[in-house]
Protein backbone atom coordinates (compact mmCIF):
# COMPACT_ATOMS: atom_id res chain seq x y z
CA MET A 1 -2.75 7.36 44.89
CA HIS A 2 -2.12 8.97 41.60
CA SER A 3 -2.19 6.91 38.51
CA PRO A 4 1.32 5.97 37.20
CA ILE A 5 2.92 7.33 34.15
CA LEU A 6 4.35 4.71 31.72
CA ILE A 7 7.71 5.61 29.95
CA THR A 8 9.21 3.19 27.42
CA GLY A 9 12.89 2.93 27.07
CA ALA A 10 13.84 4.83 30.24
CA GLY A 11 17.10 3.24 31.15
CA GLN A 12 19.26 5.97 29.73
CA ARG A 13 19.59 9.43 28.20
CA ILE A 14 16.35 11.39 27.80
CA GLY A 15 14.04 8.61 29.00
CA LEU A 16 16.23 8.32 32.17
CA ALA A 17 16.27 12.11 32.73
CA LEU A 18 12.47 12.27 32.45
CA ALA A 19 12.07 9.47 34.93
CA GLN A 20 14.38 11.16 37.40
CA TYR A 21 12.44 14.36 37.07
CA LEU A 22 9.06 12.74 37.52
CA ILE A 23 10.38 10.91 40.62
CA SER A 24 11.31 14.37 41.97
CA GLN A 25 7.72 15.35 41.42
CA ALA A 26 6.43 12.39 43.47
CA GLN A 27 4.74 10.97 40.27
CA PRO A 28 4.41 7.28 40.26
CA LEU A 29 6.16 5.59 37.34
CA ILE A 30 6.27 2.41 35.35
CA ILE A 31 9.22 2.21 32.95
CA THR A 32 10.55 -0.31 30.41
CA TYR A 33 14.17 -1.21 29.68
CA ARG A 34 15.99 -3.48 27.35
CA THR A 35 19.55 -3.39 28.87
CA ARG A 36 19.80 -3.38 32.63
CA HIS A 37 22.05 -0.42 33.34
CA ALA A 38 22.91 0.56 36.91
CA SER A 39 20.36 3.28 36.43
CA ILE A 40 17.52 0.62 36.65
CA ASP A 41 18.70 -0.43 40.00
CA ALA A 42 18.58 3.29 41.19
CA LEU A 43 15.07 3.69 39.60
CA GLU A 44 13.82 0.61 41.50
CA ALA A 45 15.28 1.80 44.74
CA ALA A 46 13.32 5.05 44.24
CA GLY A 47 10.04 3.05 43.89
CA VAL A 48 9.71 2.96 40.27
CA THR A 49 8.25 -0.28 38.64
CA CYS A 50 10.75 -1.40 36.04
CA ILE A 51 9.72 -4.02 33.46
CA TYR A 52 12.11 -5.68 31.11
CA ALA A 53 10.95 -5.60 27.50
CA ASP A 54 12.87 -5.93 24.28
CA PHE A 55 9.76 -5.54 22.06
CA SER A 56 11.56 -7.67 19.34
CA THR A 57 8.46 -9.97 18.65
CA ASP A 58 4.81 -9.72 18.93
CA ASP A 59 4.81 -12.17 21.83
CA ALA A 60 7.24 -9.89 23.71
CA ILE A 61 4.99 -6.93 23.21
CA PHE A 62 1.85 -8.77 24.31
CA SER A 63 3.78 -10.18 27.29
CA PHE A 64 4.77 -6.64 28.34
CA ILE A 65 1.15 -5.55 28.02
CA GLU A 66 -0.06 -8.38 30.24
CA GLN A 67 2.52 -7.55 32.87
CA LEU A 68 1.61 -3.85 32.71
CA ARG A 69 -2.24 -4.63 33.12
CA ASN A 70 -1.30 -6.89 36.11
CA ARG A 71 0.44 -3.98 37.81
CA THR A 72 -1.99 -1.15 37.40
CA SER A 73 -5.70 -0.50 36.51
CA SER A 74 -5.11 3.01 35.33
CA LEU A 75 -2.47 5.30 33.61
CA ARG A 76 -1.96 9.02 33.85
CA ALA A 77 0.07 9.01 30.67
CA ILE A 78 2.01 6.86 28.20
CA ILE A 79 5.24 8.34 26.88
CA HIS A 80 6.58 6.41 24.01
CA ASN A 81 10.40 7.03 24.15
CA ALA A 82 11.81 3.55 23.13
CA SER A 83 13.74 4.11 19.92
CA SER A 84 16.55 2.69 17.76
CA TRP A 85 18.92 4.90 15.73
CA ASP A 86 19.85 2.18 13.12
CA CYS A 87 20.58 3.13 9.52
CA GLU A 88 21.16 1.66 6.01
CA ASP A 89 24.97 2.07 6.15
CA ASN A 90 25.14 0.06 9.46
CA ASN A 91 22.64 -2.66 8.41
CA PRO A 92 22.77 -3.99 4.81
CA ASP A 93 19.74 -6.24 5.39
CA TYR A 94 17.34 -3.53 4.39
CA SER A 95 14.22 -5.82 4.85
CA GLN A 96 15.12 -6.56 8.36
CA LEU A 97 16.13 -2.91 9.11
CA PHE A 98 12.76 -1.64 7.83
CA ASP A 99 10.84 -4.24 9.89
CA ASN A 100 12.85 -3.35 12.91
CA MET A 101 12.32 0.41 12.63
CA MET A 102 8.51 -0.02 11.95
CA ARG A 103 8.18 -2.33 14.90
CA ILE A 104 9.86 -0.25 17.66
CA HIS A 105 8.68 3.15 16.50
CA CYS A 106 5.19 2.22 15.14
CA LYS A 107 3.92 -1.22 15.84
CA VAL A 108 4.89 -1.17 19.66
CA PRO A 109 3.14 2.20 20.26
CA TYR A 110 0.13 1.07 18.19
CA LEU A 111 -0.36 -2.15 20.13
CA ILE A 112 0.23 -0.56 23.50
CA ASN A 113 -2.13 2.25 22.75
CA MET A 114 -4.83 -0.11 21.53
CA ALA A 115 -4.50 -2.28 24.54
CA CYS A 116 -4.21 0.56 27.20
CA GLY A 117 -6.90 2.99 26.16
CA GLU A 118 -9.06 1.67 29.00
CA LEU A 119 -6.24 2.26 31.55
CA LEU A 120 -5.95 5.90 30.34
CA GLN A 121 -9.74 6.34 30.51
CA ASN A 122 -9.53 5.11 34.15
CA SER A 123 -7.10 7.87 35.29
CA GLU A 124 -8.43 10.02 38.11
CA SER A 125 -7.01 13.17 36.32
CA HIS A 126 -9.20 15.46 34.17
CA HIS A 127 -7.17 14.39 31.13
CA SER A 128 -4.72 11.71 30.44
CA ASP A 129 -2.10 11.69 27.70
CA ILE A 130 -0.27 9.78 25.10
CA ILE A 131 2.98 11.43 23.94
CA HIS A 132 5.06 10.07 21.06
CA LEU A 133 8.71 10.97 20.62
CA THR A 134 9.26 11.30 16.90
CA ASP A 135 12.05 13.28 15.12
CA TYR A 136 12.73 16.48 13.19
CA VAL A 137 13.36 14.27 10.05
CA VAL A 138 9.65 13.60 9.89
CA GLU A 139 9.39 16.89 8.05
CA LYS A 140 12.06 16.31 5.50
CA GLY A 141 13.12 12.61 5.45
CA SER A 142 16.74 11.57 5.72
CA PRO A 143 18.84 9.95 2.92
CA LYS A 144 21.04 8.32 5.57
CA HIS A 145 18.24 7.06 7.81
CA ILE A 146 15.59 6.22 5.32
CA ALA A 147 13.73 3.54 7.26
CA TYR A 148 14.10 5.32 10.55
CA ALA A 149 12.56 8.53 9.10
CA ALA A 150 9.72 6.57 7.61
CA SER A 151 8.99 4.83 10.89
CA LYS A 152 9.00 8.11 12.81
CA ALA A 153 6.70 9.58 10.26
CA ALA A 154 4.29 6.65 10.81
CA LEU A 155 4.47 7.33 14.57
CA ASP A 156 3.66 10.94 14.00
CA ASN A 157 0.54 10.00 12.04
CA LEU A 158 -0.58 7.69 14.86
CA SER A 159 -0.91 10.71 17.06
CA LYS A 160 -3.63 12.17 14.80
CA SER A 161 -5.56 8.89 14.64
CA PHE A 162 -5.46 8.15 18.35
CA ALA A 163 -6.21 11.73 19.25
CA ALA A 164 -9.55 11.34 17.43
CA LYS A 165 -10.23 7.88 18.65
CA LEU A 166 -9.55 8.50 22.31
CA ALA A 167 -10.97 12.08 22.81
CA PRO A 168 -12.09 13.76 24.87
CA LYS A 169 -10.53 12.02 27.86
CA VAL A 170 -7.12 11.28 26.30
CA LYS A 171 -4.95 13.90 24.57
CA VAL A 172 -2.46 12.40 22.07
CA ASN A 173 0.47 14.43 20.70
CA SER A 174 4.03 14.14 19.30
CA ILE A 175 7.28 15.80 20.16
CA ALA A 176 9.72 16.14 17.28
CA PRO A 177 13.24 16.88 18.47
CA SER A 178 16.41 17.36 16.45
CA LEU A 179 19.67 17.47 18.45
CA ILE A 180 19.10 17.16 22.17
CA ILE A 181 22.14 15.36 23.61
CA PHE A 182 25.41 14.31 21.97
CA ASN A 183 26.79 10.87 22.44
CA GLU A 184 29.93 10.60 24.37
CA HIS A 185 31.79 9.20 21.40
CA ASP A 186 30.83 12.02 18.99
CA SER A 187 33.78 13.77 17.52
CA ALA A 188 34.47 17.48 17.87
CA GLU A 189 34.15 17.79 14.08
CA TYR A 190 30.59 16.06 14.22
CA ARG A 191 29.55 18.20 17.12
CA GLU A 192 30.57 21.46 15.35
CA LYS A 193 28.84 20.39 12.09
CA THR A 194 25.59 19.41 13.96
CA LEU A 195 25.36 22.52 16.02
CA LYS A 196 25.51 24.56 12.96
CA LYS A 197 22.23 22.91 11.55
CA SER A 198 20.00 25.07 13.89
CA ILE A 199 19.84 28.81 14.12
CA LEU A 200 20.23 28.66 17.92
CA GLY A 201 23.40 26.52 17.66
CA LEU A 202 23.35 24.71 21.05
CA GLU A 203 22.97 21.31 22.56
CA PRO A 204 19.80 21.98 24.76
CA GLY A 205 19.93 18.83 26.92
CA SER A 206 17.07 16.66 28.24
CA GLN A 207 15.32 19.49 30.12
CA GLU A 208 13.97 20.91 26.89
CA ILE A 209 12.08 17.58 26.25
CA ILE A 210 11.07 17.53 29.93
CA ASN A 211 9.71 21.04 29.64
CA THR A 212 7.69 20.17 26.48
CA ILE A 213 6.25 17.04 28.06
CA GLU A 214 5.17 19.10 31.07
CA LEU A 215 3.48 21.59 28.78
CA LEU A 216 1.39 18.77 27.17
CA LEU A 217 0.60 17.11 30.43
CA ASN A 218 -0.58 20.38 31.93
CA SER A 219 -2.53 21.46 28.81
CA ASN A 220 -6.27 21.04 28.60
CA TYR A 221 -6.47 22.00 24.88
CA ILE A 222 -3.63 20.48 22.80
CA THR A 223 -4.18 17.20 21.02
CA GLY A 224 -3.41 15.72 17.71
CA ARG A 225 -0.45 18.03 17.29
CA THR A 226 3.35 17.77 16.79
CA LEU A 227 5.50 20.11 18.90
CA PRO A 228 8.92 20.68 17.30
CA VAL A 229 11.95 21.02 19.50
CA ASP A 230 14.68 21.81 17.00
CA GLY A 231 16.23 25.21 17.68
CA GLY A 232 14.85 26.73 14.62
CA ARG A 233 16.41 24.19 12.42
CA HIS A 234 13.71 24.49 9.83
CA LEU A 235 14.93 28.14 9.09
CA LYS A 236 18.43 27.20 8.02
């Protein structure tokens, strides 16, 4: 039996698409979710272990880690996908906003990685992996998402530290996407404006992230790095 891959925040969008792809590859999975969408029922029916976790407190994080360790003695990979796209305009309590962004994007991965290093070392595969989903804004910041950008930058830095700490068995990398999928409520004006930010000018879809994750999982020689998936946005 292969060691499972853990994906945080896999109830919708990119996390769900990744889970569905890995199911098609007969890869055992453990996922977390905060809201029980119908997709969770479908994942459970496909044999995925789905664990509720809101990660809003330290106790909630530690409770999840305990549940995880009770369900498996090894992990092939941890993919940190859980995220919150909150911003200063929507949340005037800047202190709470900053704490929330740092918690979900940095503290949660930090504590899970610290607690689960042994599970990754126990994988039967030649290498095991930690993959952090960060953001294009790590490179340049964001005046509209200041706390968000700072927390994703902190997550990016964790990749370097954990890569050094957990080598040579565990490879640790970041993926930094820009636009991948529009939301259903995004206006035509917003879509047109956003597409113009990259030189390739397209909405690539979840498969681009899946392809990049597959690259990292299959690599024997990439660690401590950030792979941009941004359509050449840095060249605009």
